[in-house]
C-alpha atoms as a PDB file:
ATOM      1  CA  UNK A   1     -19.502   4.408  -7.384  1.00  0.00           C
ATOM      2  CA  UNK A   2     -20.513   0.870  -7.275  1.00  0.00           C
ATOM      3  CA  UNK A   3     -23.585   0.651  -9.220  1.00  0.00           C
ATOM      4  CA  UNK A   4     -27.195  -1.377  -7.561  1.00  0.00           C
ATOM      5  CA  UNK A   5     -28.034  -4.460  -9.314  1.00  0.00           C
ATOM      6  CA  UNK A   6     -30.042  -6.406  -7.436  1.00  0.00           C
ATOM      7  CA  UNK A   7     -33.430  -6.192  -5.368  1.00  0.00           C
ATOM      8  CA  UNK A   8     -34.556  -7.725  -1.784  1.00  0.00           C
ATOM      9  CA  UNK A   9     -33.806  -6.530   2.047  1.00  0.00           C
ATOM     10  CA  UNK A  10     -30.816  -3.913   0.935  1.00  0.00           C
ATOM     11  CA  UNK A  11     -32.191  -2.512  -2.226  1.00  0.00           C
ATOM     12  CA  UNK A  12     -32.015   0.803  -2.193  1.00  0.00           C
ATOM     13  CA  UNK A  13     -30.464   0.816   1.381  1.00  0.00           C
ATOM     14  CA  UNK A  14     -27.520   3.383   1.805  1.00  0.00           C
ATOM     15  CA  UNK A  15     -24.707   1.804   2.807  1.00  0.00           C
ATOM     16  CA  UNK A  16     -21.214   3.288   4.237  1.00  0.00           C
ATOM     17  CA  UNK A  17     -17.721   1.686   3.455  1.00  0.00           C
ATOM     18  CA  UNK A  18     -14.883   2.901   5.447  1.00  0.00           C
ATOM     19  CA  UNK A  19     -12.292   0.444   4.000  1.00  0.00           C
ATOM     20  CA  UNK A  20      -9.397   1.621   2.525  1.00  0.00           C
ATOM     21  CA  UNK A  21     -10.059   2.658  -1.180  1.00  0.00           C
ATOM     22  CA  UNK A  22      -7.941  -0.110  -2.496  1.00  0.00           C
ATOM     23  CA  UNK A  23      -9.726  -2.779  -0.366  1.00  0.00           C
ATOM     24  CA  UNK A  24     -13.388  -1.727  -0.609  1.00  0.00           C
ATOM     25  CA  UNK A  25     -14.209  -2.535  -4.134  1.00  0.00           C
ATOM     26  CA  UNK A  26     -15.138  -6.359  -2.895  1.00  0.00           C
ATOM     27  CA  UNK A  27     -17.809  -5.090  -0.455  1.00  0.00           C
ATOM     28  CA  UNK A  28     -18.697  -2.774  -2.705  1.00  0.00           C
ATOM     29  CA  UNK A  29     -19.570  -4.610  -5.418  1.00  0.00           C
ATOM     30  CA  UNK A  30     -21.180  -7.184  -2.658  1.00  0.00           C
ATOM     31  CA  UNK A  31     -23.844  -5.029  -1.658  1.00  0.00           C
ATOM     32  CA  UNK A  32     -24.472  -3.665  -5.310  1.00  0.00           C
ATOM     33  CA  UNK A  33     -25.379  -7.010  -5.879  1.00  0.00           C
ATOM     34  CA  UNK A  34     -27.688  -6.978  -3.595  1.00  0.00           C
ATOM     35  CA  UNK A  35     -29.346  -3.798  -4.740  1.00  0.00           C
ATOM     36  CA  UNK A  36     -27.572  -1.320  -2.137  1.00  0.00           C
ATOM     37  CA  UNK A  37     -25.350   1.935  -2.749  1.00  0.00           C
ATOM     38  CA  UNK A  38     -22.409   1.606  -1.354  1.00  0.00           C
ATOM     39  CA  UNK A  39     -21.443   5.220  -0.186  1.00  0.00           C
ATOM     40  CA  UNK A  40     -17.872   4.612   0.007  1.00  0.00           C
ATOM     41  CA  UNK A  41     -16.034   6.738   2.236  1.00  0.00           C
ATOM     42  CA  UNK A  42     -11.916   5.526   2.795  1.00  0.00           C
ATOM     43  CA  UNK A  43     -11.315   6.437   6.485  1.00  0.00           C
ATOM     44  CA  UNK A  44      -7.470   4.707   6.583  1.00  0.00           C
ATOM     45  CA  UNK A  45      -4.342   4.458   3.797  1.00  0.00           C
ATOM     46  CA  UNK A  46      -2.463   0.905   3.763  1.00  0.00           C
ATOM     47  CA  UNK A  47       1.554   1.925   3.517  1.00  0.00           C
ATOM     48  CA  UNK A  48       4.492  -0.320   3.911  1.00  0.00           C
ATOM     49  CA  UNK A  49       6.527   0.636   7.131  1.00  0.00           C
ATOM     50  CA  UNK A  50       9.461   2.895   6.509  1.00  0.00           C
ATOM     51  CA  UNK A  51      12.351   0.659   7.647  1.00  0.00           C
ATOM     52  CA  UNK A  52      11.946  -2.795   6.132  1.00  0.00           C
ATOM     53  CA  UNK A  53      14.969  -3.850   6.804  1.00  0.00           C
ATOM     54  CA  UNK A  54      14.140  -5.687   9.788  1.00  0.00           C
ATOM     55  CA  UNK A  55      11.802  -7.732   7.269  1.00  0.00           C
ATOM     56  CA  UNK A  56      14.437  -8.610   4.453  1.00  0.00           C
ATOM     57  CA  UNK A  57      16.975  -9.730   7.653  1.00  0.00           C
ATOM     58  CA  UNK A  58      13.715 -12.495   8.493  1.00  0.00           C
ATOM     59  CA  UNK A  59      13.748 -13.414   4.875  1.00  0.00           C
ATOM     60  CA  UNK A  60      17.184 -14.074   4.560  1.00  0.00           C
ATOM     61  CA  UNK A  61      17.017 -16.609   7.675  1.00  0.00           C
ATOM     62  CA  UNK A  62      13.252 -17.748   6.542  1.00  0.00           C
ATOM     63  CA  UNK A  63      14.622 -21.536   6.544  1.00  0.00           C
ATOM     64  CA  UNK A  64      15.004 -21.138  10.203  1.00  0.00           C
ATOM     65  CA  UNK A  65      11.013 -20.612  10.806  1.00  0.00           C
ATOM     66  CA  UNK A  66       8.792 -23.175  11.365  1.00  0.00           C
ATOM     67  CA  UNK A  67       5.459 -20.930  10.640  1.00  0.00           C
ATOM     68  CA  UNK A  68       4.802 -17.523   9.179  1.00  0.00           C
ATOM     69  CA  UNK A  69       1.500 -16.476  10.354  1.00  0.00           C
ATOM     70  CA  UNK A  70      -0.030 -13.965   8.978  1.00  0.00           C
ATOM     71  CA  UNK A  71      -3.170 -12.029  10.425  1.00  0.00           C
ATOM     72  CA  UNK A  72      -4.131  -9.554   6.975  1.00  0.00           C
ATOM     73  CA  UNK A  73      -3.726  -9.874   3.549  1.00  0.00           C
ATOM     74  CA  UNK A  74      -1.490  -6.474   3.677  1.00  0.00           C
ATOM     75  CA  UNK A  75       1.166  -8.146   5.539  1.00  0.00           C
ATOM     76  CA  UNK A  76       0.744 -10.891   3.135  1.00  0.00           C
ATOM     77  CA  UNK A  77       1.241  -8.017   0.131  1.00  0.00           C
ATOM     78  CA  UNK A  78       4.383  -6.337   1.857  1.00  0.00           C
ATOM     79  CA  UNK A  79       6.090 -10.094   3.012  1.00  0.00           C
ATOM     80  CA  UNK A  80       6.154 -11.166  -0.712  1.00  0.00           C
ATOM     81  CA  UNK A  81       6.565  -8.005  -2.345  1.00  0.00           C
ATOM     82  CA  UNK A  82       9.623  -7.558  -0.552  1.00  0.00           C
ATOM     83  CA  UNK A  83      10.027 -11.705  -0.800  1.00  0.00           C
ATOM     84  CA  UNK A  84       9.943 -10.779  -4.562  1.00  0.00           C
ATOM     85  CA  UNK A  85      11.085 -14.281  -7.229  1.00  0.00           C
ATOM     86  CA  UNK A  86      11.995 -16.217  -4.075  1.00  0.00           C
ATOM     87  CA  UNK A  87      10.077 -18.707  -2.988  1.00  0.00           C
ATOM     88  CA  UNK A  88       9.000 -20.109   0.673  1.00  0.00           C
ATOM     89  CA  UNK A  89      11.432 -22.403   1.384  1.00  0.00           C
ATOM     90  CA  UNK A  90      10.569 -26.052   2.098  1.00  0.00           C
ATOM     91  CA  UNK A  91       9.175 -27.023   5.332  1.00  0.00           C
ATOM     92  CA  UNK A  92       8.583 -23.487   6.559  1.00  0.00           C
ATOM     93  CA  UNK A  93       4.708 -23.695   6.879  1.00  0.00           C
ATOM     94  CA  UNK A  94       2.201 -20.695   6.471  1.00  0.00           C
ATOM     95  CA  UNK A  95      -0.954 -19.624   8.849  1.00  0.00           C
ATOM     96  CA  UNK A  96      -3.322 -17.866   8.224  1.00  0.00           C
ATOM     97  CA  UNK A  97      -6.011 -15.765  10.199  1.00  0.00           C
ATOM     98  CA  UNK A  98      -8.758 -16.485   7.847  1.00  0.00           C
ATOM     99  CA  UNK A  99     -10.209 -17.069   4.531  1.00  0.00           C
ATOM    100  CA  UNK A 100      -9.580 -13.836   2.597  1.00  0.00           C
ATOM    101  CA  UNK A 101      -6.115 -13.597   4.281  1.00  0.00           C
ATOM    102  CA  UNK A 102      -5.589 -17.104   2.768  1.00  0.00           C
ATOM    103  CA  UNK A 103      -6.974 -15.948  -0.821  1.00  0.00           C
ATOM    104  CA  UNK A 104      -3.863 -12.949  -0.819  1.00  0.00           C
ATOM    105  CA  UNK A 105      -1.443 -16.108   0.003  1.00  0.00           C
ATOM    106  CA  UNK A 106      -2.608 -18.334  -2.926  1.00  0.00           C
ATOM    107  CA  UNK A 107      -3.090 -15.648  -5.066  1.00  0.00           C
ATOM    108  CA  UNK A 108       0.787 -14.957  -3.992  1.00  0.00           C
ATOM    109  CA  UNK A 109       1.530 -18.924  -5.466  1.00  0.00           C
ATOM    110  CA  UNK A 110       1.975 -20.253  -1.868  1.00  0.00           C
ATOM    111  CA  UNK A 111       0.459 -22.611   0.114  1.00  0.00           C
ATOM    112  CA  UNK A 112      -1.867 -21.937   3.471  1.00  0.00           C
ATOM    113  CA  UNK A 113      -1.037 -25.088   5.933  1.00  0.00           C
ATOM    114  CA  UNK A 114      -3.589 -23.995   8.727  1.00  0.00           C
ATOM    115  CA  UNK A 115      -6.666 -21.576   8.691  1.00  0.00           C
ATOM    116  CA  UNK A 116      -8.408 -21.452  12.549  1.00  0.00           C
ATOM    117  CA  UNK A 117     -11.437 -22.215  13.178  1.00  0.00           C
ATOM    118  CA  UNK A 118     -12.819 -18.665  14.078  1.00  0.00           C
ATOM    119  CA  UNK A 119     -10.862 -16.023  12.391  1.00  0.00           C
ATOM    120  CA  UNK A 120      -9.056 -14.308  15.271  1.00  0.00           C
ATOM    121  CA  UNK A 121      -5.585 -14.297  16.119  1.00  0.00           C
ATOM    122  CA  UNK A 122      -5.791 -15.759  19.810  1.00  0.00           C
ATOM    123  CA  UNK A 123      -7.498 -18.727  17.897  1.00  0.00           C
ATOM    124  CA  UNK A 124      -4.824 -19.125  15.015  1.00  0.00           C
ATOM    125  CA  UNK A 125      -2.650 -19.327  18.122  1.00  0.00           C
ATOM    126  CA  UNK A 126      -4.430 -21.842  20.144  1.00  0.00           C
ATOM    127  CA  UNK A 127      -4.916 -24.274  17.187  1.00  0.00           C
ATOM    128  CA  UNK A 128      -1.779 -24.372  15.315  1.00  0.00           C
ATOM    129  CA  UNK A 129      -0.357 -27.416  16.584  1.00  0.00           C
ATOM    130  CA  UNK A 130       2.727 -28.032  18.615  1.00  0.00           C
ATOM    131  CA  UNK A 131       5.096 -24.713  18.382  1.00  0.00           C
ATOM    132  CA  UNK A 132       7.113 -25.396  21.332  1.00  0.00           C
ATOM    133  CA  UNK A 133      10.406 -24.513  20.870  1.00  0.00           C
ATOM    134  CA  UNK A 134       9.842 -23.933  17.784  1.00  0.00           C
ATOM    135  CA  UNK A 135      10.052 -20.161  15.458  1.00  0.00           C
ATOM    136  CA  UNK A 136       7.377 -18.130  14.331  1.00  0.00           C
ATOM    137  CA  UNK A 137       7.515 -15.332  12.479  1.00  0.00           C
ATOM    138  CA  UNK A 138       4.690 -12.380  12.307  1.00  0.00           C
ATOM    139  CA  UNK A 139       4.956  -9.959   9.997  1.00  0.00           C
ATOM    140  CA  UNK A 140       2.298  -7.024  11.310  1.00  0.00           C
ATOM    141  CA  UNK A 141       0.510  -3.736  11.307  1.00  0.00           C
ATOM    142  CA  UNK A 142       2.254  -1.119  13.144  1.00  0.00           C
ATOM    143  CA  UNK A 143      -0.209  -1.578  15.870  1.00  0.00           C
ATOM    144  CA  UNK A 144      -1.084  -5.184  15.377  1.00  0.00           C
ATOM    145  CA  UNK A 145      -3.103  -7.244  18.520  1.00  0.00           C
ATOM    146  CA  UNK A 146      -0.910  -8.496  20.793  1.00  0.00           C
ATOM    147  CA  UNK A 147      -3.055 -12.208  21.101  1.00  0.00           C
ATOM    148  CA  UNK A 148      -1.635 -13.511  18.536  1.00  0.00           C
ATOM    149  CA  UNK A 149       1.795 -13.000  20.434  1.00  0.00           C
ATOM    150  CA  UNK A 150       0.590 -14.074  23.506  1.00  0.00           C
ATOM    151  CA  UNK A 151      -1.098 -17.018  22.837  1.00  0.00           C
ATOM    152  CA  UNK A 152       1.998 -18.329  20.648  1.00  0.00           C
ATOM    153  CA  UNK A 153       4.369 -17.243  23.602  1.00  0.00           C
ATOM    154  CA  UNK A 154       2.867 -18.924  26.642  1.00  0.00           C
ATOM    155  CA  UNK A 155       2.498 -22.206  24.413  1.00  0.00           C
ATOM    156  CA  UNK A 156       6.316 -22.079  24.336  1.00  0.00           C
ATOM    157  CA  UNK A 157       7.037 -20.499  20.566  1.00  0.00           C
ATOM    158  CA  UNK A 158       9.913 -18.069  19.587  1.00  0.00           C
ATOM    159  CA  UNK A 159       8.209 -15.487  18.276  1.00  0.00           C
ATOM    160  CA  UNK A 160       9.628 -12.739  15.921  1.00  0.00           C
ATOM    161  CA  UNK A 161       7.258  -9.338  15.518  1.00  0.00           C
ATOM    162  CA  UNK A 162       8.074  -8.061  12.488  1.00  0.00           C
ATOM    163  CA  UNK A 163       6.564  -4.616  11.578  1.00  0.00           C
ATOM    164  CA  UNK A 164       5.835  -4.600   7.939  1.00  0.00           C
ATOM    165  CA  UNK A 165       2.727  -1.729   7.390  1.00  0.00           C
ATOM    166  CA  UNK A 166       0.959   0.746   9.000  1.00  0.00           C
ATOM    167  CA  UNK A 167      -2.488   2.160   9.371  1.00  0.00           C
ATOM    168  CA  UNK A 168      -2.941   5.790   8.575  1.00  0.00           C
ATOM    169  CA  UNK A 169      -6.226   7.791   8.682  1.00  0.00           C
ATOM    170  CA  UNK A 170      -7.194   8.911   5.129  1.00  0.00           C
ATOM    171  CA  UNK A 171      -7.591  11.832   3.604  1.00  0.00           C
ATOM    172  CA  UNK A 172     -10.213  13.582   4.054  1.00  0.00           C
ATOM    173  CA  UNK A 173     -12.584  12.817   1.000  1.00  0.00           C
ATOM    174  CA  UNK A 174     -15.297  15.860   0.560  1.00  0.00           C
ATOM    175  CA  UNK A 175     -17.490  14.208  -1.890  1.00  0.00           C
ATOM    176  CA  UNK A 176     -17.728  11.203   0.495  1.00  0.00           C
ATOM    177  CA  UNK A 177     -18.187  13.703   3.502  1.00  0.00           C
ATOM    178  CA  UNK A 178     -21.007  14.939   1.044  1.00  0.00           C
ATOM    179  CA  UNK A 179     -23.025  11.637   0.449  1.00  0.00           C
ATOM    180  CA  UNK A 180     -22.769  10.878   4.295  1.00  0.00           C
ATOM    181  CA  UNK A 181     -23.822  14.415   5.542  1.00  0.00           C
ATOM    182  CA  UNK A 182     -27.306  13.206   2.769  1.00  0.00           C
ATOM    183  CA  UNK A 183     -28.178  10.692   5.355  1.00  0.00           C
ATOM    184  CA  UNK A 184     -26.787   6.852   5.508  1.00  0.00           C
ATOM    185  CA  UNK A 185     -28.902   3.969   6.447  1.00  0.00           C
ATOM    186  CA  UNK A 186     -26.435   1.599   7.446  1.00  0.00           C
ATOM    187  CA  UNK A 187     -22.432   1.646   8.038  1.00  0.00           C
ATOM    188  CA  UNK A 188     -19.753  -1.104   7.694  1.00  0.00           C
ATOM    189  CA  UNK A 189     -16.506  -1.297   9.697  1.00  0.00           C
ATOM    190  CA  UNK A 190     -13.731  -4.279   8.807  1.00  0.00           C
ATOM    191  CA  UNK A 191     -11.502  -3.328  11.617  1.00  0.00           C
ATOM    192  CA  UNK A 192     -10.473  -1.327  14.759  1.00  0.00           C
ATOM    193  CA  UNK A 193      -8.727   1.105  12.646  1.00  0.00           C
ATOM    194  CA  UNK A 194     -11.558   2.036  10.547  1.00  0.00           C
ATOM    195  CA  UNK A 195     -13.523   3.131  13.425  1.00  0.00           C
ATOM    196  CA  UNK A 196     -11.263   4.815  15.193  1.00  0.00           C
ATOM    197  CA  UNK A 197     -10.414   6.956  11.956  1.00  0.00           C
ATOM    198  CA  UNK A 198     -13.962   7.540  10.877  1.00  0.00           C
ATOM    199  CA  UNK A 199     -14.583   9.476  14.311  1.00  0.00           C
ATOM    200  CA  UNK A 200     -11.664  11.265  13.670  1.00  0.00           C
ATOM    201  CA  UNK A 201     -12.123  12.168  10.251  1.00  0.00           C
ATOM    202  CA  UNK A 202     -15.752  13.216  11.095  1.00  0.00           C
ATOM    203  CA  UNK A 203     -15.233  14.799  14.084  1.00  0.00           C
ATOM    204  CA  UNK A 204     -17.826  16.012  16.526  1.00  0.00           C
ATOM    205  CA  UNK A 205     -20.231  15.305  14.167  1.00  0.00           C
ATOM    206  CA  UNK A 206     -19.927  11.416  14.186  1.00  0.00           C
ATOM    207  CA  UNK A 207     -22.486  10.791  16.157  1.00  0.00           C
ATOM    208  CA  UNK A 208     -25.340  12.938  14.381  1.00  0.00           C
ATOM    209  CA  UNK A 209     -24.397  11.411  11.113  1.00  0.00           C
ATOM    210  CA  UNK A 210     -24.306   7.685  12.346  1.00  0.00           C
ATOM    211  CA  UNK A 211     -27.539   8.237  14.611  1.00  0.00           C
ATOM    212  CA  UNK A 212     -30.002   5.646  13.638  1.00  0.00           C
ATOM    213  CA  UNK A 213     -27.787   3.695  11.729  1.00  0.00           C
ATOM    214  CA  UNK A 214     -27.756   0.286  11.225  1.00  0.00           C
ATOM    215  CA  UNK A 215     -24.318  -0.763  12.679  1.00  0.00           C
ATOM    216  CA  UNK A 216     -22.538  -3.552  11.434  1.00  0.00           C
ATOM    217  CA  UNK A 217     -19.119  -4.720  12.665  1.00  0.00           C
ATOM    218  CA  UNK A 218     -17.043  -7.947  10.131  1.00  0.00           C
ATOM    219  CA  UNK A 219     -15.929  -9.461  14.012  1.00  0.00           C
ATOM    220  CA  UNK A 220     -16.094  -9.225  17.642  1.00  0.00           C
ATOM    221  CA  UNK A 221     -13.052  -6.988  17.664  1.00  0.00           C
ATOM    222  CA  UNK A 222     -14.124  -4.740  15.002  1.00  0.00           C
ATOM    223  CA  UNK A 223     -17.119  -4.425  17.370  1.00  0.00           C
ATOM    224  CA  UNK A 224     -15.738  -4.015  20.582  1.00  0.00           C
ATOM    225  CA  UNK A 225     -14.095  -0.723  19.241  1.00  0.00           C
ATOM    226  CA  UNK A 226     -17.267   0.124  17.859  1.00  0.00           C
ATOM    227  CA  UNK A 227     -19.007   0.195  21.660  1.00  0.00           C
ATOM    228  CA  UNK A 228     -16.687   1.761  22.736  1.00  0.00           C
ATOM    229  CA  UNK A 229     -16.821   4.670  20.236  1.00  0.00           C
ATOM    230  CA  UNK A 230     -20.300   4.586  21.690  1.00  0.00           C
ATOM    231  CA  UNK A 231     -22.008   2.992  18.749  1.00  0.00           C
ATOM    232  CA  UNK A 232     -24.862  -0.126  19.093  1.00  0.00           C
ATOM    233  CA  UNK A 233     -23.666  -3.074  17.023  1.00  0.00           C
ATOM    234  CA  UNK A 234     -26.149  -4.684  15.092  1.00  0.00           C
ATOM    235  CA  UNK A 235     -24.964  -6.644  12.916  1.00  0.00           C
ATOM    236  CA  UNK A 236     -21.521  -8.950  13.304  1.00  0.00           C
ATOM    237  CA  UNK A 237     -21.787 -12.748  11.196  1.00  0.00           C
ATOM    238  CA  UNK A 238     -20.278 -15.387  12.777  1.00  0.00           C
ATOM    239  CA  UNK A 239     -17.433 -15.924  10.026  1.00  0.00           C
ATOM    240  CA  UNK A 240     -15.613 -13.117  10.138  1.00  0.00           C
ATOM    241  CA  UNK A 241     -15.179 -12.253   6.416  1.00  0.00           C
ATOM    242  CA  UNK A 242     -16.768  -9.476   3.737  1.00  0.00           C
ATOM    243  CA  UNK A 243     -19.000 -12.011   2.139  1.00  0.00           C
ATOM    244  CA  UNK A 244     -20.735 -13.027   5.477  1.00  0.00           C
ATOM    245  CA  UNK A 245     -20.595  -9.468   6.961  1.00  0.00           C
ATOM    246  CA  UNK A 246     -23.012  -8.313   3.873  1.00  0.00           C
ATOM    247  CA  UNK A 247     -25.204 -11.765   4.108  1.00  0.00           C
ATOM    248  CA  UNK A 248     -25.648 -10.542   7.958  1.00  0.00           C
ATOM    249  CA  UNK A 249     -26.608  -7.345   6.952  1.00  0.00           C
ATOM    250  CA  UNK A 250     -29.049  -8.368   4.087  1.00  0.00           C
ATOM    251  CA  UNK A 251     -30.440 -11.251   6.985  1.00  0.00           C
ATOM    252  CA  UNK A 252     -30.679  -8.203   9.153  1.00  0.00           C
ATOM    253  CA  UNK A 253     -33.062  -6.244   7.350  1.00  0.00           C
ATOM    254  CA  UNK A 254     -34.877  -9.302   6.100  1.00  0.00           C
ATOM    255  CA  UNK A 255     -35.890  -9.598   9.898  1.00  0.00           C
ATOM    256  CA  UNK A 256     -37.023  -6.397  10.533  1.00  0.00           C
ATOM    257  CA  UNK A 257     -38.931  -6.143   7.147  1.00  0.00           C
ATOM    258  CA  UNK A 258     -40.941  -9.463   8.671  1.00  0.00           C
ATOM    259  CA  UNK A 259     -41.203  -8.022  12.395  1.00  0.00           C
ATOM    260  CA  UNK A 260     -42.600  -4.931  10.846  1.00  0.00           C
ATOM    261  CA  UNK A 261     -45.344  -6.729   8.349  1.00  0.00           C
ATOM    262  CA  UNK A 262     -46.480  -9.045  11.389  1.00  0.00           C
ATOM    263  CA  UNK A 263     -44.931 -11.872   9.719  1.00  0.00           C
END
């Protein structure tokens, strides 16, 4: 568990982190730096797709594509792992849905040519530029949203969707569940899957354990899933990044403190 070090509106707040364990550190560290106590409760696991032959075929013909479009750091990881020592061919441009995904691409030594003004798949599809008649490779999750594909197809692109990873329910963590049972002040969700599998893991106790907590969602798609599950959404940052999620949660508590003090 990350040790809190800071002070401020989040100091002492018990905040549930539902990201998969390998990806939780950034969020946990950002919360702890502001004095919060992160409670790590992984609700999902990320695994490469069982059959990566379609990706291998796409990589063998990568120079036929005008764009590769990434909507998550997970797809970046699998793509570049399979690409191995080869480079992305000159003339093939890379689009990333947001800054976190762009950083994942840059960490692999590749250049990101485009990031949309709003970190959503549909926005990427609208703003990417002229794509009529051009091939776009979309390495995706097994249950990825269709918004990007719909937008690109409507604009005349030829989109090849390749499933490269899947999101699975996490194995229940009994120690983390015990921490959750002690009570939390806030819960953070960073994807639709974290919402859905949180409820799957907690079962009939989900509403009881989350009732009264501040619900912080990284963006509108995740917020929609939370509301569909019956949760109110109190925090949603304008920019859909982990850093902005923590800042928005801190601002929420700062505003609540001012209101309570009558300032």
